[in-house]
Amino acid sequence: SAFLSSGTPGVGKTTLGKELASRAGLVYVNVGDLAKEGELYEGFDEEYECPILDEDRVIDELEDKMNEGGVIIDYHGCDFFPERWFHIVFVLRTENSVLYDRLESRGYKGKKLQDNIQCEIFQTLYEEAMSSYREEIVHQLPSNTPEDLERNLDQIMQWIEQWMKDNN
């Protein structure tokens, strides 16, 4: 079984992913960290001042782990992963004012800050998930408060338990 936590930077994917992994006994993989460790890049984006992910190498790097299962993947994008990898995809959503503060406190500014807020306003990553996976496995979850986090964890644990029941 494998699960994908997606959404604009700053929506709380990492907090949720790590907590979920510990509760459900899953292996947590942050694709950004994985890329950094393995230098899985193909160049540098001058405009955004960040390295460009080498998607093929990321997939090669993860393939064995994904075949073993019991994994939760955390990444903002989702359209380049093989569809067969994930049984549940959840996209976290955060209100713009909350997200703005979170990103600003991470040092995002200018174009990078604006583009990420735009991305959230236009539900870009939710749309991406809906067009990349079967609609019935894509779930949108609000992620504004600590209460939301608790509710989301409970909800996802139920989905995972149900999935395990249906598939074992």
C-alpha atoms as a PDB file:
ATOM      1  CA  SER A   1       0.000   0.000   0.000  1.00  0.00           C
ATOM      2  CA  ALA A   2       1.261   3.486  -0.771  1.00  0.00           C
ATOM      3  CA  PHE A   3      -0.151   6.952  -0.223  1.00  0.00           C
ATOM      4  CA  LEU A   4       0.650  10.378  -1.610  1.00  0.00           C
ATOM      5  CA  SER A   5       0.398  13.620   0.321  1.00  0.00           C
ATOM      6  CA  SER A   6       0.291  16.534  -2.112  1.00  0.00           C
ATOM      7  CA  GLY A   7      -0.466  20.263  -2.156  1.00  0.00           C
ATOM      8  CA  THR A   8       1.139  23.686  -2.434  1.00  0.00           C
ATOM      9  CA  PRO A   9       4.275  24.234  -0.295  1.00  0.00           C
ATOM     10  CA  GLY A  10       3.269  25.310   3.223  1.00  0.00           C
ATOM     11  CA  VAL A  11      -0.034  23.425   3.469  1.00  0.00           C
ATOM     12  CA  GLY A  12       1.299  20.976   6.074  1.00  0.00           C
ATOM     13  CA  LYS A  13       2.187  17.876   4.015  1.00  0.00           C
ATOM     14  CA  THR A  14       5.313  17.120   6.006  1.00  0.00           C
ATOM     15  CA  THR A  15       3.725  17.442   9.444  1.00  0.00           C
ATOM     16  CA  LEU A  16       0.841  15.246   8.336  1.00  0.00           C
ATOM     17  CA  GLY A  17       3.048  12.745   6.484  1.00  0.00           C
ATOM     18  CA  LYS A  18       5.446  12.162   9.378  1.00  0.00           C
ATOM     19  CA  GLU A  19       2.658  11.821  11.921  1.00  0.00           C
ATOM     20  CA  LEU A  20       0.712   9.485   9.664  1.00  0.00           C
ATOM     21  CA  ALA A  21       3.786   7.338   9.065  1.00  0.00           C
ATOM     22  CA  SER A  22       4.347   6.897  12.775  1.00  0.00           C
ATOM     23  CA  ARG A  23       0.674   6.101  13.474  1.00  0.00           C
ATOM     24  CA  ALA A  24       0.196   3.712  10.561  1.00  0.00           C
ATOM     25  CA  GLY A  25       3.654   2.141  10.588  1.00  0.00           C
ATOM     26  CA  LEU A  26       4.468   3.473   7.113  1.00  0.00           C
ATOM     27  CA  VAL A  27       7.800   4.552   5.667  1.00  0.00           C
ATOM     28  CA  TYR A  28       7.784   8.339   5.188  1.00  0.00           C
ATOM     29  CA  VAL A  29       9.571   9.732   2.119  1.00  0.00           C
ATOM     30  CA  ASN A  30       9.955  13.452   1.476  1.00  0.00           C
ATOM     31  CA  VAL A  31      10.807  13.747  -2.234  1.00  0.00           C
ATOM     32  CA  GLY A  32      12.502  17.120  -1.742  1.00  0.00           C
ATOM     33  CA  ASP A  33      14.881  15.634   0.841  1.00  0.00           C
ATOM     34  CA  LEU A  34      15.426  12.515  -1.270  1.00  0.00           C
ATOM     35  CA  ALA A  35      16.414  14.689  -4.239  1.00  0.00           C
ATOM     36  CA  LYS A  36      18.747  16.770  -2.106  1.00  0.00           C
ATOM     37  CA  GLU A  37      20.513  13.719  -0.645  1.00  0.00           C
ATOM     38  CA  GLY A  38      20.908  11.991  -3.992  1.00  0.00           C
ATOM     39  CA  GLU A  39      21.390  15.209  -5.985  1.00  0.00           C
ATOM     40  CA  LEU A  40      18.572  14.102  -8.299  1.00  0.00           C
ATOM     41  CA  TYR A  41      18.575  17.328 -10.296  1.00  0.00           C
ATOM     42  CA  GLU A  42      18.877  18.339 -13.905  1.00  0.00           C
ATOM     43  CA  GLY A  43      19.953  21.943 -13.768  1.00  0.00           C
ATOM     44  CA  PHE A  44      18.980  25.103 -11.929  1.00  0.00           C
ATOM     45  CA  ASP A  45      15.957  27.374 -12.284  1.00  0.00           C
ATOM     46  CA  GLU A  46      17.300  30.942 -12.239  1.00  0.00           C
ATOM     47  CA  GLU A  47      13.876  32.534 -11.917  1.00  0.00           C
ATOM     48  CA  TYR A  48      12.893  30.563  -8.805  1.00  0.00           C
ATOM     49  CA  GLU A  49      16.451  30.164  -7.551  1.00  0.00           C
ATOM     50  CA  CYS A  50      16.084  26.449  -7.008  1.00  0.00           C
ATOM     51  CA  PRO A  51      17.339  23.216  -8.584  1.00  0.00           C
ATOM     52  CA  ILE A  52      15.158  21.420 -11.133  1.00  0.00           C
ATOM     53  CA  LEU A  53      14.037  17.940 -10.112  1.00  0.00           C
ATOM     54  CA  ASP A  54      15.130  15.058 -12.356  1.00  0.00           C
ATOM     55  CA  GLU A  55      11.805  13.221 -12.284  1.00  0.00           C
ATOM     56  CA  ASP A  56      13.057  10.057 -14.000  1.00  0.00           C
ATOM     57  CA  ARG A  57      15.837   9.610 -11.473  1.00  0.00           C
ATOM     58  CA  VAL A  58      13.418  10.189  -8.593  1.00  0.00           C
ATOM     59  CA  ILE A  59      11.192   7.414  -9.949  1.00  0.00           C
ATOM     60  CA  ASP A  60      14.158   5.052 -10.380  1.00  0.00           C
ATOM     61  CA  GLU A  61      15.255   5.848  -6.838  1.00  0.00           C
ATOM     62  CA  LEU A  62      11.805   5.077  -5.384  1.00  0.00           C
ATOM     63  CA  GLU A  63      10.743   2.096  -7.523  1.00  0.00           C
ATOM     64  CA  ASP A  64      11.967  -0.674  -5.174  1.00  0.00           C
ATOM     65  CA  LYS A  65      10.527   0.989  -2.090  1.00  0.00           C
ATOM     66  CA  MET A  66       7.189   1.449  -3.842  1.00  0.00           C
ATOM     67  CA  ASN A  67       7.075  -2.211  -4.851  1.00  0.00           C
ATOM     68  CA  GLU A  68       7.570  -3.223  -1.218  1.00  0.00           C
ATOM     69  CA  GLY A  69       4.698  -0.934  -0.200  1.00  0.00           C
ATOM     70  CA  GLY A  70       3.799   0.633   3.123  1.00  0.00           C
ATOM     71  CA  VAL A  71       5.038   4.037   1.988  1.00  0.00           C
ATOM     72  CA  ILE A  72       3.791   7.581   2.252  1.00  0.00           C
ATOM     73  CA  ILE A  73       5.243  10.028  -0.264  1.00  0.00           C
ATOM     74  CA  ASP A  74       5.272  13.764   0.395  1.00  0.00           C
ATOM     75  CA  TYR A  75       5.647  16.108  -2.584  1.00  0.00           C
ATOM     76  CA  HIS A  76       3.886  19.171  -3.981  1.00  0.00           C
ATOM     77  CA  GLY A  77       3.695  17.837  -7.541  1.00  0.00           C
ATOM     78  CA  CYS A  78       2.103  14.530  -8.413  1.00  0.00           C
ATOM     79  CA  ASP A  79       1.695  14.239 -12.180  1.00  0.00           C
ATOM     80  CA  PHE A  80       4.987  12.456 -12.910  1.00  0.00           C
ATOM     81  CA  PHE A  81       4.597   9.504 -10.519  1.00  0.00           C
ATOM     82  CA  PRO A  82       3.331   6.244 -12.042  1.00  0.00           C
ATOM     83  CA  GLU A  83      -0.402   5.998 -11.462  1.00  0.00           C
ATOM     84  CA  ARG A  84      -0.073   2.422 -10.200  1.00  0.00           C
ATOM     85  CA  TRP A  85       1.975   3.559  -7.200  1.00  0.00           C
ATOM     86  CA  PHE A  86      -0.751   5.113  -5.076  1.00  0.00           C
ATOM     87  CA  HIS A  87      -3.885   3.748  -3.462  1.00  0.00           C
ATOM     88  CA  ILE A  88      -4.936   7.026  -1.880  1.00  0.00           C
ATOM     89  CA  VAL A  89      -3.920  10.553  -2.834  1.00  0.00           C
ATOM     90  CA  PHE A  90      -4.727  13.410  -0.493  1.00  0.00           C
ATOM     91  CA  VAL A  91      -4.318  17.030  -1.428  1.00  0.00           C
ATOM     92  CA  LEU A  92      -4.123  19.447   1.473  1.00  0.00           C
ATOM     93  CA  ARG A  93      -5.697  22.886   1.045  1.00  0.00           C
ATOM     94  CA  THR A  94      -4.977  25.998   3.107  1.00  0.00           C
ATOM     95  CA  GLU A  95      -6.709  29.376   3.155  1.00  0.00           C
ATOM     96  CA  ASN A  96      -4.640  32.010   1.383  1.00  0.00           C
ATOM     97  CA  SER A  97      -4.095  34.289   4.370  1.00  0.00           C
ATOM     98  CA  VAL A  98      -2.862  31.370   6.488  1.00  0.00           C
ATOM     99  CA  LEU A  99      -0.686  30.057   3.669  1.00  0.00           C
ATOM    100  CA  TYR A 100       0.771  33.516   2.989  1.00  0.00           C
ATOM    101  CA  ASP A 101       1.976  33.782   6.592  1.00  0.00           C
ATOM    102  CA  ARG A 102       3.405  30.252   6.593  1.00  0.00           C
ATOM    103  CA  LEU A 103       5.349  30.822   3.367  1.00  0.00           C
ATOM    104  CA  GLU A 104       6.551  34.252   4.393  1.00  0.00           C
ATOM    105  CA  SER A 105       7.913  32.823   7.630  1.00  0.00           C
ATOM    106  CA  ARG A 106       9.833  30.260   5.528  1.00  0.00           C
ATOM    107  CA  GLY A 107      11.499  33.124   3.695  1.00  0.00           C
ATOM    108  CA  TYR A 108       9.441  32.958   0.488  1.00  0.00           C
ATOM    109  CA  LYS A 109       9.145  36.353  -1.173  1.00  0.00           C
ATOM    110  CA  GLY A 110       8.440  38.102  -4.455  1.00  0.00           C
ATOM    111  CA  LYS A 111       7.549  35.891  -7.396  1.00  0.00           C
ATOM    112  CA  LYS A 112       8.025  32.625  -5.521  1.00  0.00           C
ATOM    113  CA  LEU A 113       5.577  33.720  -2.819  1.00  0.00           C
ATOM    114  CA  GLN A 114       3.024  35.095  -5.294  1.00  0.00           C
ATOM    115  CA  ASP A 115       3.159  32.050  -7.567  1.00  0.00           C
ATOM    116  CA  ASN A 116       2.579  29.630  -4.707  1.00  0.00           C
ATOM    117  CA  ILE A 117      -0.404  31.637  -3.485  1.00  0.00           C
ATOM    118  CA  GLN A 118      -1.763  31.693  -7.073  1.00  0.00           C
ATOM    119  CA  CYS A 119      -1.205  27.955  -7.273  1.00  0.00           C
ATOM    120  CA  GLU A 120      -3.411  27.530  -4.190  1.00  0.00           C
ATOM    121  CA  ILE A 121      -6.087  29.986  -5.386  1.00  0.00           C
ATOM    122  CA  PHE A 122      -6.451  28.115  -8.678  1.00  0.00           C
ATOM    123  CA  GLN A 123      -6.379  24.694  -6.970  1.00  0.00           C
ATOM    124  CA  THR A 124      -3.582  23.796  -9.363  1.00  0.00           C
ATOM    125  CA  LEU A 125      -2.371  20.752  -7.446  1.00  0.00           C
ATOM    126  CA  TYR A 126      -5.857  19.435  -6.788  1.00  0.00           C
ATOM    127  CA  GLU A 127      -6.612  19.669 -10.519  1.00  0.00           C
ATOM    128  CA  GLU A 128      -3.292  17.969 -11.266  1.00  0.00           C
ATOM    129  CA  ALA A 129      -4.138  15.115  -8.878  1.00  0.00           C
ATOM    130  CA  MET A 130      -7.637  14.746 -10.337  1.00  0.00           C
ATOM    131  CA  SER A 131      -6.257  14.457 -13.858  1.00  0.00           C
ATOM    132  CA  SER A 132      -3.381  12.113 -12.884  1.00  0.00           C
ATOM    133  CA  TYR A 133      -5.276   9.559 -10.745  1.00  0.00           C
ATOM    134  CA  ARG A 134      -8.691   7.944 -10.586  1.00  0.00           C
ATOM    135  CA  GLU A 135     -11.020  10.522  -9.095  1.00  0.00           C
ATOM    136  CA  GLU A 136     -12.306   8.224  -6.385  1.00  0.00           C
ATOM    137  CA  ILE A 137      -8.863   7.908  -4.768  1.00  0.00           C
ATOM    138  CA  VAL A 138      -8.195  11.679  -4.649  1.00  0.00           C
ATOM    139  CA  HIS A 139      -9.307  13.433  -1.475  1.00  0.00           C
ATOM    140  CA  GLN A 140      -9.105  17.114  -0.652  1.00  0.00           C
ATOM    141  CA  LEU A 141      -8.529  17.998   3.006  1.00  0.00           C
ATOM    142  CA  PRO A 142      -8.555  21.403   4.758  1.00  0.00           C
ATOM    143  CA  SER A 143      -5.285  22.179   6.544  1.00  0.00           C
ATOM    144  CA  ASN A 144      -5.547  25.471   8.420  1.00  0.00           C
ATOM    145  CA  THR A 145      -5.469  24.612  12.130  1.00  0.00           C
ATOM    146  CA  PRO A 146      -4.084  21.987  14.530  1.00  0.00           C
ATOM    147  CA  GLU A 147      -7.677  20.681  14.795  1.00  0.00           C
ATOM    148  CA  ASP A 148      -7.720  20.140  11.021  1.00  0.00           C
ATOM    149  CA  LEU A 149      -4.513  18.121  11.343  1.00  0.00           C
ATOM    150  CA  GLU A 150      -6.063  15.818  13.968  1.00  0.00           C
ATOM    151  CA  ARG A 151      -9.252  15.377  11.947  1.00  0.00           C
ATOM    152  CA  ASN A 152      -7.263  14.637   8.794  1.00  0.00           C
ATOM    153  CA  LEU A 153      -5.122  12.051  10.572  1.00  0.00           C
ATOM    154  CA  ASP A 154      -8.227  10.279  11.914  1.00  0.00           C
ATOM    155  CA  GLN A 155      -9.887  10.390   8.506  1.00  0.00           C
ATOM    156  CA  ILE A 156      -6.844   9.049   6.642  1.00  0.00           C
ATOM    157  CA  MET A 157      -6.284   6.306   9.223  1.00  0.00           C
ATOM    158  CA  GLN A 158      -9.881   5.179   8.564  1.00  0.00           C
ATOM    159  CA  TRP A 159      -9.271   5.165   4.802  1.00  0.00           C
ATOM    160  CA  ILE A 160      -6.050   3.176   5.243  1.00  0.00           C
ATOM    161  CA  GLU A 161      -7.711   0.631   7.549  1.00  0.00           C
ATOM    162  CA  GLN A 162     -10.583   0.268   5.083  1.00  0.00           C
ATOM    163  CA  TRP A 163      -8.136  -0.138   2.191  1.00  0.00           C
ATOM    164  CA  MET A 164      -6.235  -2.832   4.115  1.00  0.00           C
ATOM    165  CA  LYS A 165      -9.486  -4.687   4.842  1.00  0.00           C
ATOM    166  CA  ASP A 166     -10.631  -4.534   1.218  1.00  0.00           C
ATOM    167  CA  ASN A 167      -7.276  -5.640  -0.168  1.00  0.00           C
ATOM    168  CA  ASN A 168      -6.062  -8.379   2.169  1.00  0.00           C
END
